[in-house]
Protein backbone atom coordinates (compact mmCIF):
# COMPACT_ATOMS: atom_id res chain seq x y z
CA MET A 1 10.56 169.54 98.78
CA PRO A 2 8.50 169.07 95.61
CA SER A 3 8.85 165.78 93.75
CA GLN A 4 10.97 165.66 90.59
CA THR A 5 9.01 165.51 87.32
CA PRO A 6 9.97 162.95 84.63
CA GLU A 7 11.19 165.79 82.44
CA VAL A 8 13.62 167.00 85.14
CA LEU A 9 14.86 163.48 85.78
CA GLY A 10 15.40 163.04 82.05
CA ASP A 11 17.47 166.24 81.96
CA LEU A 12 19.59 165.13 84.92
CA GLN A 13 20.41 161.88 83.11
CA GLN A 14 21.93 163.71 80.12
CA PRO A 15 25.76 164.07 80.06
CA LEU A 16 27.06 167.37 81.47
CA ILE A 17 29.77 167.59 78.83
CA LEU A 18 28.97 166.78 75.21
CA PRO A 19 31.57 165.37 72.80
CA ALA A 20 33.77 167.84 70.93
CA ASN A 21 31.58 167.64 67.84
CA GLY A 22 28.55 168.58 69.90
CA LYS A 23 26.72 165.37 68.99
CA SER A 24 25.54 162.50 71.10
CA ASN A 25 27.36 159.15 71.05
CA VAL A 26 24.12 157.34 70.20
CA PRO A 27 24.78 155.04 67.18
CA GLU A 28 23.45 156.12 63.80
CA LYS A 29 21.04 153.40 62.69
CA LEU A 30 20.50 152.92 58.95
CA THR A 31 18.73 150.40 56.77
CA ILE A 32 20.81 148.63 54.13
CA ASP A 33 19.46 150.83 51.34
CA GLU A 34 20.26 153.95 53.36
CA MET A 35 23.79 152.72 54.08
CA LEU A 36 24.34 151.93 50.41
CA LEU A 37 23.23 155.43 49.44
CA LYS A 38 25.12 157.26 52.17
CA TYR A 39 28.36 155.35 52.68
CA CYS A 40 28.97 152.27 50.50
CA GLY A 41 27.83 153.33 47.05
CA GLU A 42 24.98 151.82 45.07
CA PHE A 43 27.00 150.03 42.41
CA GLY A 44 30.75 150.21 42.85
CA ARG A 45 33.64 147.87 42.17
CA TRP A 46 32.55 145.40 44.87
CA GLN A 47 29.00 145.10 43.55
CA LEU A 48 30.20 144.75 39.95
CA ARG A 49 32.55 141.88 40.77
CA HIS A 50 29.96 140.16 42.98
CA PHE A 51 27.25 140.63 40.37
CA VAL A 52 29.25 139.18 37.46
CA LEU A 53 30.56 136.17 39.40
CA THR A 54 27.15 135.31 40.85
CA SER A 55 25.33 135.72 37.54
CA LEU A 56 27.57 133.13 35.89
CA ALA A 57 25.23 130.60 37.52
CA TRP A 58 22.57 131.64 34.99
CA ALA A 59 24.67 130.12 32.21
CA LEU A 60 24.72 126.87 34.20
CA GLU A 61 20.93 126.92 34.41
CA ALA A 62 20.76 127.39 30.62
CA PHE A 63 23.05 124.37 30.17
CA HIS A 64 20.99 122.07 32.38
CA THR A 65 17.65 123.24 30.94
CA MET A 66 18.25 123.61 27.20
CA VAL A 67 20.41 120.50 26.86
CA MET A 68 17.13 118.63 26.26
CA ILE A 69 16.75 120.31 22.87
CA PHE A 70 19.84 118.52 21.57
CA ALA A 71 19.83 115.35 23.68
CA ASP A 72 16.16 114.57 22.97
CA ARG A 73 16.05 115.67 19.33
CA GLU A 74 14.88 113.42 16.51
CA PRO A 75 17.98 113.08 14.31
CA ARG A 76 18.10 112.71 10.56
CA TRP A 77 17.45 109.33 8.98
CA TRP A 78 18.02 107.76 5.57
CA CYS A 79 16.82 104.81 3.55
CA THR A 80 19.00 101.69 3.61
CA GLY A 81 16.79 99.10 1.93
CA PRO A 82 13.70 98.37 -0.17
CA GLY A 83 10.31 99.63 0.96
CA CYS A 84 11.68 103.04 2.00
CA SER A 85 11.15 106.25 0.02
CA PRO A 86 13.34 109.34 0.64
CA ALA A 87 10.26 111.46 -0.03
CA GLN A 88 8.53 110.10 3.08
CA ALA A 89 8.31 112.65 5.88
CA GLN A 90 8.64 110.23 8.81
CA VAL A 91 9.75 106.70 9.58
CA CYS A 92 6.39 105.53 10.89
CA GLY A 93 5.12 102.63 8.82
CA LEU A 94 8.45 101.85 7.14
CA PRO A 95 9.60 98.21 7.20
CA SER A 96 12.19 97.31 9.82
CA GLY A 97 15.70 97.43 8.38
CA SER A 98 14.72 99.72 5.50
CA TRP A 99 16.03 102.86 7.22
CA ASP A 100 18.61 103.94 9.79
CA TRP A 101 19.77 107.04 11.69
CA VAL A 102 22.36 109.10 9.83
CA ASP A 103 24.49 109.81 12.92
CA GLY A 104 23.97 106.42 14.56
CA PRO A 105 21.84 105.37 17.57
CA GLY A 106 24.01 107.23 20.07
CA SER A 107 23.27 110.68 18.65
CA SER A 108 20.19 111.23 20.84
CA THR A 109 17.88 109.50 23.29
CA VAL A 110 15.26 109.30 20.55
CA ALA A 111 17.58 107.28 18.32
CA GLU A 112 18.95 105.06 21.09
CA TRP A 113 15.60 104.08 22.63
CA GLY A 114 13.36 104.39 19.55
CA LEU A 115 11.21 107.26 20.84
CA VAL A 116 9.36 107.79 17.56
CA CYS A 117 5.84 107.23 16.24
CA GLY A 118 3.80 105.63 19.05
CA GLU A 119 6.61 106.23 21.56
CA LYS A 120 7.09 109.90 20.69
CA TYR A 121 5.03 111.05 23.68
CA LYS A 122 7.86 109.88 25.94
CA VAL A 123 10.03 112.75 24.71
CA GLY A 124 7.47 115.28 25.93
CA LEU A 125 6.97 113.30 29.12
CA VAL A 126 10.60 113.44 30.20
CA GLN A 127 10.75 117.17 29.44
CA SER A 128 7.58 117.84 31.40
CA LEU A 129 8.91 115.84 34.36
CA PHE A 130 12.10 117.89 34.28
CA PHE A 131 10.10 121.10 34.56
CA PHE A 132 7.93 119.50 37.23
CA GLY A 133 11.12 118.89 39.21
CA CYS A 134 12.07 122.53 38.63
CA MET A 135 8.73 123.60 40.06
CA ILE A 136 9.27 121.59 43.26
CA GLY A 137 12.92 122.61 43.58
CA ALA A 138 12.09 126.31 43.27
CA GLY A 139 9.81 126.11 46.30
CA VAL A 140 12.19 123.97 48.36
CA PHE A 141 15.31 126.04 47.73
CA GLY A 142 13.33 129.27 47.93
CA HIS A 143 12.47 128.37 51.53
CA LEU A 144 15.96 127.08 52.37
CA SER A 145 17.69 130.17 50.99
CA ASP A 146 15.42 132.40 53.09
CA SER A 147 15.96 130.31 56.23
CA SER A 148 18.84 128.08 57.30
CA LEU A 149 21.08 127.77 54.20
CA GLY A 150 21.09 131.34 52.97
CA ARG A 151 21.55 132.48 49.38
CA LYS A 152 25.18 131.41 48.98
CA GLY A 153 24.77 128.08 50.78
CA SER A 154 21.76 127.13 48.66
CA LEU A 155 23.55 128.04 45.43
CA THR A 156 26.55 125.90 46.40
CA ILE A 157 24.45 122.82 47.15
CA ILE A 158 22.41 123.26 43.96
CA CYS A 159 25.46 123.46 41.69
CA LEU A 160 27.04 120.40 43.30
CA PHE A 161 23.75 118.52 42.99
CA ASN A 162 23.35 119.41 39.31
CA GLY A 163 26.95 118.64 38.39
CA ILE A 164 26.79 115.13 39.86
CA LEU A 165 23.35 114.32 38.47
CA GLY A 166 24.26 115.57 35.02
CA CYS A 167 27.20 113.19 34.83
CA LEU A 168 25.07 110.32 36.14
CA THR A 169 22.45 111.06 33.47
CA ALA A 170 25.07 110.31 30.83
CA LEU A 171 25.27 106.76 32.24
CA SER A 172 21.52 106.06 32.02
CA PRO A 173 21.01 102.43 30.91
CA ASN A 174 17.39 102.91 29.83
CA TYR A 175 14.59 105.42 29.44
CA VAL A 176 13.16 104.93 32.95
CA VAL A 177 16.45 105.71 34.70
CA TYR A 178 17.01 108.63 32.33
CA THR A 179 13.60 110.09 33.18
CA LEU A 180 14.22 109.73 36.92
CA LEU A 181 17.61 111.45 36.73
CA ARG A 182 16.21 114.29 34.64
CA PHE A 183 13.47 114.82 37.21
CA LEU A 184 16.07 114.97 39.99
CA SER A 185 18.15 117.40 37.91
CA GLY A 186 15.07 119.59 37.65
CA LEU A 187 14.87 119.77 41.44
CA GLY A 188 18.23 121.52 41.51
CA THR A 189 17.90 123.54 38.32
CA GLY A 190 14.69 125.14 39.58
CA GLY A 191 16.61 126.99 42.29
CA VAL A 192 19.73 128.08 40.39
CA GLY A 193 18.49 131.27 38.75
CA MET A 194 16.36 132.29 41.72
CA CYS A 195 19.18 132.04 44.27
CA ALA A 196 21.71 133.63 41.90
CA PHE A 197 19.37 136.50 41.09
CA VAL A 198 18.60 137.39 44.70
CA LEU A 199 22.24 137.01 45.79
CA ALA A 200 23.43 139.22 42.92
CA THR A 201 20.89 142.04 43.32
CA GLU A 202 20.36 142.40 47.09
CA PRO A 203 23.67 144.27 47.72
CA ILE A 204 22.90 146.81 44.95
CA GLY A 205 21.38 150.22 45.65
CA PRO A 206 17.73 151.00 44.80
CA SER A 207 18.35 153.22 41.77
CA LYS A 208 20.71 150.69 40.12
CA ARG A 209 18.95 147.49 41.11
CA GLY A 210 16.48 147.45 38.23
CA VAL A 211 18.97 147.64 35.37
CA ALA A 212 21.45 145.35 37.09
CA GLY A 213 18.76 142.78 37.85
CA MET A 214 17.60 142.68 34.25
CA SER A 215 21.18 142.26 33.04
CA THR A 216 21.38 138.82 34.65
CA PHE A 217 19.45 137.35 31.73
CA TYR A 218 22.28 138.14 29.34
CA PHE A 219 24.12 135.36 31.12
CA PHE A 220 21.24 132.95 30.52
CA SER A 221 21.06 133.76 26.80
CA THR A 222 24.84 133.57 26.54
CA GLY A 223 24.67 130.13 28.14
CA ILE A 224 22.17 128.99 25.50
CA ALA A 225 24.40 130.33 22.73
CA LEU A 226 27.44 128.56 24.20
CA LEU A 227 25.45 125.35 24.58
CA SER A 228 24.71 125.29 20.86
CA GLY A 229 28.46 125.29 20.24
CA VAL A 230 29.10 122.65 22.88
CA ALA A 231 26.36 120.45 21.41
CA TYR A 232 27.91 120.81 17.96
CA MET A 233 31.28 119.66 19.31
CA PHE A 234 29.76 116.75 21.28
CA PRO A 235 27.18 115.14 18.95
CA SER A 236 26.63 112.15 21.27
CA TRP A 237 23.94 112.82 23.87
CA ARG A 238 25.93 111.06 26.59
CA SER A 239 29.08 113.09 26.04
CA LEU A 240 26.96 116.24 25.81
CA TYR A 241 25.52 115.68 29.30
CA VAL A 242 29.01 115.33 30.75
CA ALA A 243 30.29 118.40 28.90
CA SER A 244 27.33 120.50 30.06
CA SER A 245 27.61 119.36 33.71
CA ILE A 246 31.34 119.85 34.37
CA PRO A 247 30.99 123.69 34.41
CA SER A 248 28.84 123.39 37.57
CA ILE A 249 31.68 121.64 39.39
CA VAL A 250 34.13 124.26 38.13
CA PHE A 251 31.83 127.02 39.37
CA ILE A 252 31.86 125.58 42.91
CA THR A 253 35.64 125.30 43.09
CA ILE A 254 36.65 128.54 41.36
CA VAL A 255 33.79 131.07 41.73
CA ILE A 256 31.86 130.29 44.94
CA PRO A 257 34.83 130.96 47.30
CA PHE A 258 34.92 134.57 46.07
CA LEU A 259 31.23 135.25 46.72
CA SER A 260 29.83 136.87 49.88
CA GLU A 261 26.56 136.00 51.55
CA SER A 262 23.81 138.61 51.22
CA PRO A 263 23.98 141.23 54.00
CA ARG A 264 20.19 141.43 53.91
CA TRP A 265 19.93 137.73 54.74
CA TYR A 266 22.42 138.18 57.58
CA LEU A 267 20.38 141.09 58.95
CA VAL A 268 16.98 139.41 58.96
CA ARG A 269 18.56 136.32 60.55
CA GLY A 270 19.83 138.43 63.44
CA LYS A 271 23.51 138.27 62.35
CA THR A 272 24.10 142.01 62.48
CA LYS A 273 27.85 141.67 62.98
CA GLU A 274 28.27 139.58 59.82
CA ALA A 275 26.05 141.98 57.86
CA MET A 276 28.15 144.96 58.95
CA GLU A 277 31.34 143.11 58.00
CA VAL A 278 30.05 142.62 54.45
CA MET A 279 29.04 146.29 54.25
CA ARG A 280 32.47 147.43 55.46
CA GLN A 281 34.20 145.21 52.89
CA MET A 282 31.92 146.66 50.24
CA ALA A 283 32.68 150.24 51.25
CA HIS A 284 36.44 149.58 51.39
CA SER A 285 36.47 147.99 47.93
CA ASN A 286 34.48 150.94 46.58
CA GLY A 287 36.97 153.43 48.05
CA ARG A 288 34.66 154.58 50.82
CA ILE A 289 34.51 154.38 54.61
CA ILE A 290 31.69 153.61 57.02
CA PRO A 291 32.30 155.77 60.13
CA LYS A 292 32.36 154.27 63.60
CA GLY A 293 29.03 154.38 65.37
CA VAL A 294 27.02 153.50 62.26
CA GLU A 295 24.87 150.39 62.61
CA LEU A 296 22.41 148.43 60.50
CA THR A 297 18.78 148.11 61.43
CA LEU A 298 15.69 146.55 59.89
CA ASP A 299 13.41 148.95 58.07
CA ASP A 300 10.58 148.58 60.62
CA ASN A 301 13.00 149.97 63.27
CA ALA A 302 14.31 152.80 61.08
CA ASN A 303 11.67 155.34 62.12
CA LYS A 304 12.88 155.46 65.72
CA ASN A 305 14.67 158.63 66.80
CA ASN A 306 18.27 157.54 67.29
CA ASP A 307 19.36 160.88 68.77
CA VAL A 308 16.92 160.63 71.71
CA GLU A 309 16.38 156.93 72.45
CA ILE A 310 19.19 155.03 74.20
CA LEU A 311 18.66 151.32 73.75
CA LYS A 312 19.56 148.78 76.34
CA GLU A 313 21.43 145.64 75.34
CA ASP A 314 18.40 143.38 75.68
CA SER A 315 16.21 145.63 73.56
CA PHE A 316 18.93 145.79 70.91
CA LEU A 317 19.02 142.03 70.72
CA GLU A 318 15.23 141.91 70.57
CA GLU A 319 15.14 144.33 67.63
CA ASN A 320 17.75 142.40 65.67
CA GLU A 321 16.49 138.94 66.50
CA ALA A 322 16.31 136.61 63.50
CA MET A 323 13.27 137.43 61.41
CA LYS A 324 11.67 134.37 59.90
CA GLY A 325 9.12 134.38 57.12
CA SER A 326 7.38 131.84 54.94
CA LEU A 327 4.77 131.58 52.21
CA ILE A 328 2.10 131.45 54.93
CA ASP A 329 3.12 134.96 56.01
CA VAL A 330 2.78 136.13 52.41
CA LEU A 331 -0.77 134.76 52.24
CA LYS A 332 -1.76 136.25 55.61
CA SER A 333 -1.11 139.83 54.52
CA PRO A 334 -3.77 141.27 52.16
CA ILE A 335 -1.13 143.31 50.33
CA THR A 336 1.28 140.48 49.59
CA ARG A 337 -1.51 137.94 49.00
CA VAL A 338 -2.98 139.90 46.07
CA ARG A 339 0.49 140.57 44.70
CA LEU A 340 1.36 136.88 44.86
CA TYR A 341 -1.80 135.80 43.01
CA LEU A 342 -1.23 138.32 40.23
CA ALA A 343 2.49 137.60 39.90
CA PHE A 344 1.73 133.87 39.80
CA MET A 345 -0.72 134.16 36.89
CA ILE A 346 1.40 136.62 34.91
CA ASN A 347 4.50 134.44 35.20
CA PHE A 348 2.48 131.38 34.18
CA CYS A 349 1.26 133.08 31.00
CA CYS A 350 4.75 134.37 30.25
CA ALA A 351 6.30 130.91 30.59
CA VAL A 352 3.75 129.25 28.30
CA VAL A 353 4.62 131.72 25.53
CA TYR A 354 8.39 131.83 26.10
CA TYR A 355 9.02 128.09 26.35
CA GLY A 356 6.38 127.31 23.76
CA LEU A 357 7.99 129.55 21.15
CA SER A 358 11.44 128.22 22.09
CA LEU A 359 10.37 124.61 21.58
CA ASN A 360 8.85 125.47 18.21
CA VAL A 361 12.36 125.63 16.81
CA VAL A 362 12.20 121.90 16.08
CA ASN A 363 9.32 122.53 13.67
CA LEU A 364 11.29 124.91 11.46
CA ASP A 365 13.06 122.02 9.72
CA THR A 366 16.36 123.90 9.50
CA ASN A 367 19.77 123.66 11.18
CA LEU A 368 18.99 123.02 14.85
CA TYR A 369 22.29 124.39 16.19
CA LEU A 370 21.91 127.60 14.18
CA ASN A 371 18.27 128.02 15.21
CA VAL A 372 19.08 127.75 18.91
CA LEU A 373 21.93 130.21 18.50
CA LEU A 374 19.73 132.74 16.67
CA ASN A 375 17.00 132.43 19.30
CA ALA A 376 19.51 133.18 22.04
CA VAL A 377 20.93 136.16 20.15
CA ALA A 378 17.43 137.49 19.40
CA GLU A 379 16.65 137.66 23.13
CA MET A 380 19.53 140.02 23.92
CA PRO A 381 18.13 143.16 22.20
CA ALA A 382 14.95 142.65 24.20
CA PHE A 383 16.98 142.69 27.42
CA THR A 384 18.77 145.85 26.33
CA LEU A 385 15.62 147.74 25.39
CA THR A 386 13.74 146.78 28.56
CA ALA A 387 16.76 147.75 30.67
CA ILE A 388 16.89 151.17 28.99
CA MET A 389 13.16 151.77 29.43
CA LEU A 390 12.88 150.20 32.89
CA ASP A 391 13.62 153.32 34.93
CA ARG A 392 12.06 155.67 32.39
CA PHE A 393 8.60 154.15 32.07
CA GLY A 394 8.47 151.96 35.18
CA ARG A 395 7.95 148.23 35.80
CA LYS A 396 4.18 148.16 35.39
CA PRO A 397 3.77 149.81 31.95
CA LEU A 398 6.72 147.85 30.59
CA THR A 399 5.26 144.53 31.75
CA ILE A 400 1.94 145.29 30.08
CA GLY A 401 3.55 146.58 26.89
CA THR A 402 5.95 143.67 26.31
CA MET A 403 3.30 141.03 26.94
CA TRP A 404 0.89 142.71 24.54
CA PHE A 405 3.66 143.10 21.95
CA SER A 406 4.29 139.36 22.06
CA GLY A 407 0.58 138.54 22.08
CA VAL A 408 -0.12 140.61 18.98
CA PHE A 409 2.64 138.97 16.94
CA CYS A 410 1.58 135.51 18.09
CA LEU A 411 -1.93 136.37 16.89
CA LEU A 412 -0.45 137.43 13.55
CA GLY A 413 1.45 134.14 13.35
CA SER A 414 -1.77 132.18 13.88
CA LEU A 415 -3.26 133.85 10.79
CA MET A 416 -0.37 132.87 8.51
CA LYS A 417 -0.28 129.75 6.32
CA SER A 418 2.49 127.15 6.61
CA TYR A 419 3.80 127.41 3.05
CA GLY A 420 5.44 129.92 0.71
CA ILE A 421 6.04 133.48 1.86
CA TRP A 422 3.49 133.04 4.65
CA LYS A 423 5.76 130.43 6.23
CA ASN A 424 8.54 133.02 6.47
CA ILE A 425 6.17 135.61 7.92
CA ARG A 426 5.07 133.10 10.54
CA MET A 427 8.70 132.46 11.44
CA ILE A 428 9.33 136.21 11.80
CA SER A 429 6.18 136.53 13.93
CA GLY A 430 7.53 133.80 16.21
CA ILE A 431 10.88 135.57 16.53
CA LEU A 432 9.19 138.87 17.42
CA GLY A 433 6.92 137.01 19.83
CA ILE A 434 9.84 135.53 21.72
CA PHE A 435 11.59 138.91 21.52
CA GLY A 436 8.75 140.54 23.42
CA MET A 437 8.26 137.73 25.91
CA ALA A 438 12.01 137.50 26.62
CA GLY A 439 11.83 141.13 27.72
CA THR A 440 8.85 140.32 29.95
CA TYR A 441 10.55 137.28 31.43
CA ASN A 442 13.57 139.41 32.23
CA LEU A 443 11.51 142.20 33.77
CA LEU A 444 9.32 139.95 35.93
CA PHE A 445 12.25 138.79 38.07
CA ILE A 446 13.21 142.27 39.21
CA TYR A 447 9.53 143.23 39.50
CA THR A 448 8.78 140.24 41.75
CA VAL A 449 11.82 140.93 43.93
CA GLU A 450 10.60 144.48 44.55
CA LEU A 451 7.03 143.41 45.34
CA PHE A 452 7.97 141.48 48.51
CA PRO A 453 10.10 142.23 51.62
CA THR A 454 13.43 140.48 52.30
CA VAL A 455 12.08 138.17 54.99
CA VAL A 456 9.76 136.41 52.50
CA ARG A 457 11.30 137.47 49.19
CA ASN A 458 12.80 134.14 48.20
CA ALA A 459 9.72 132.23 49.35
CA ALA A 460 7.50 134.44 47.18
CA LEU A 461 9.97 134.34 44.30
CA GLY A 462 10.10 130.57 44.61
CA CYS A 463 6.30 130.36 44.41
CA VAL A 464 6.22 132.63 41.37
CA THR A 465 9.00 130.60 39.78
CA GLN A 466 6.84 127.52 40.29
CA ALA A 467 4.21 129.22 38.15
CA SER A 468 6.80 129.66 35.42
CA HIS A 469 7.65 125.98 35.57
CA MET A 470 3.97 125.08 35.40
CA GLY A 471 3.81 127.08 32.19
CA ALA A 472 6.92 125.28 30.98
CA ILE A 473 5.27 121.92 31.73
CA LEU A 474 2.26 122.93 29.64
CA ALA A 475 4.27 124.39 26.74
CA PRO A 476 5.30 121.05 25.09
CA LEU A 477 1.68 119.90 25.17
CA VAL A 478 0.65 123.09 23.38
CA VAL A 479 3.35 122.71 20.73
CA VAL A 480 2.13 119.25 19.66
CA MET A 481 -1.32 120.66 18.88
CA GLY A 482 -0.22 121.52 15.35
CA SER A 483 0.96 124.54 13.42
CA THR A 484 -1.87 127.03 14.06
CA TYR A 485 -3.35 126.34 17.50
CA PRO A 486 -0.11 126.96 19.44
CA PHE A 487 0.08 130.54 18.17
CA ILE A 488 -3.53 131.11 19.24
CA VAL A 489 -2.80 129.84 22.76
CA PHE A 490 0.37 131.95 22.97
CA SER A 491 -1.54 135.03 21.83
CA VAL A 492 -4.26 134.57 24.47
CA CYS A 493 -1.66 134.09 27.21
CA GLY A 494 0.21 137.24 26.20
CA ILE A 495 -2.87 139.46 26.09
CA VAL A 496 -4.39 138.10 29.33
CA GLY A 497 -1.06 138.44 31.14
CA GLY A 498 -0.88 142.09 30.09
CA LEU A 499 -4.38 142.74 31.41
CA LEU A 500 -3.47 141.27 34.80
CA GLY A 501 -0.50 143.64 34.97
CA PHE A 502 -2.87 146.59 35.42
CA PHE A 503 -3.65 145.41 38.96
CA LEU A 504 -0.03 145.37 40.19
CA PRO A 505 1.55 148.40 41.91
CA GLU A 506 4.42 150.38 40.45
CA THR A 507 7.68 149.73 42.35
CA LEU A 508 9.94 152.23 40.58
CA ASN A 509 11.94 154.23 43.15
CA ARG A 510 10.09 152.54 46.01
CA PRO A 511 12.06 151.16 49.02
CA LEU A 512 13.16 147.52 49.08
CA TYR A 513 11.56 146.54 52.38
CA ASP A 514 13.14 144.08 54.83
CA THR A 515 10.13 143.02 56.93
CA MET A 516 6.39 142.57 56.52
CA ALA A 517 5.73 145.30 59.10
CA GLY A 518 8.06 147.72 57.33
CA MET A 519 6.33 147.12 54.01
CA GLU A 520 2.83 147.50 55.43
CA GLU A 521 3.77 150.78 57.11
CA GLY A 522 5.43 152.07 53.95
CA GLU A 523 2.58 151.09 51.65
CA LEU A 524 0.05 152.95 53.83
CA GLU A 525 1.53 156.13 52.38
CA LYS A 526 1.03 154.90 48.79
CA PRO A 527 -1.83 152.48 48.03
CA ASP A 528 -1.07 149.39 45.91
CA PHE A 529 -3.40 150.31 43.08
CA GLU A 530 -2.36 153.93 42.78
CA PRO A 531 -1.09 154.55 39.21
């Protein structure tokens, strides 16, 4: 009797009677993006509610960051005795007791601790240390949110951390303690926007993710606008810190319980059951149904033929084992390494211009509360325009265009004089500069998210966010250079950042990869530097 061939044995192992629908009972394996497109919906009721609630954390970040503008401001002063002239521009050199603060010593840290003249550098120092803390915190919480804590867990800890530290800052007995507490607050604030952004956008489908991701920055600008009103109602810097910190505690108790962990994080951590539960809740809320027999898989497993291959239980567990990634993995891959270097430099240039122009508001010598409000409102049209053009022109051309737009107007501002009509033109140039760079800042978050796979996305985003904080640390030092040189520096940063954008790939309508292997396989079909 001749021996059986493998093909014959394979045929004998097939069921003699197929199901009524004529199809095999082998599970249908889909990536998250495929399941969103086919069964759950890309942006339904569930995603809208989750997106809005999560993005409220951006307003909290605005509170904790921009509170320094009001708390560390130099308040108005007036003459109270001989030897003081109202025509004098500053108090340096005036006899002691010949002048006083209009709103009293408790109006700001500058008034309470005498941070003027030779001590003025301390104002910039505490702000730089805050951003330095943000830089460290972005890396720490970027790693934790990718690994053990997850997106939701990291956001919860950060908000609790910031709420407590903000209230403690209001009790600072001296400048040293105040500086230390602001540095610690920066550690938490550096991870707020990053965790909120990733948590809000990961459950959204690929065609809607770009516009939705850019819309998160409306919440940040709204937070700045609200802060100007809060600061007006609480003129004391101590009461302002309490008022701006309580919303973080409220967010934890009222909003966090209604948020779901990212299904992508569940999947790469090997928690397939939890990921499927989130997807089923999403589909149900959107009025859809995920059929039985549909399962999630990582994108590097998606190319397997599910109708032929029958997986054993141990191989299933092996495929869905927790995937761990770090910044080292990003640097090992040539594709992600180049992307990280470019994204780092572009974000650094963007931050120097954005924060630099924002801090210049104190040099306008007008109503501080109104200036901050107008700056926040001016950013919103930039978000709208970039969101409209995002899926029409793509991420890459828009990044280059907005950075060059800002750079050109900063160059124009550097050519203007500081008096007469030229002073007004310089102010308008600054507004248009921050208009363009606000659009870039908005765009770069969604661009960075799409450049890296899920397993290392938050680690890469955390590193890129560190670059932004480095630019923020440098910005106050640029502002004190005078009235002309800052605009020159901002112009150079805008133009150079746009040039670097030419070397990044376009991510419009490209898959949002889960693993390094999945990304490398997918990018073989379309080279990074292809237009």
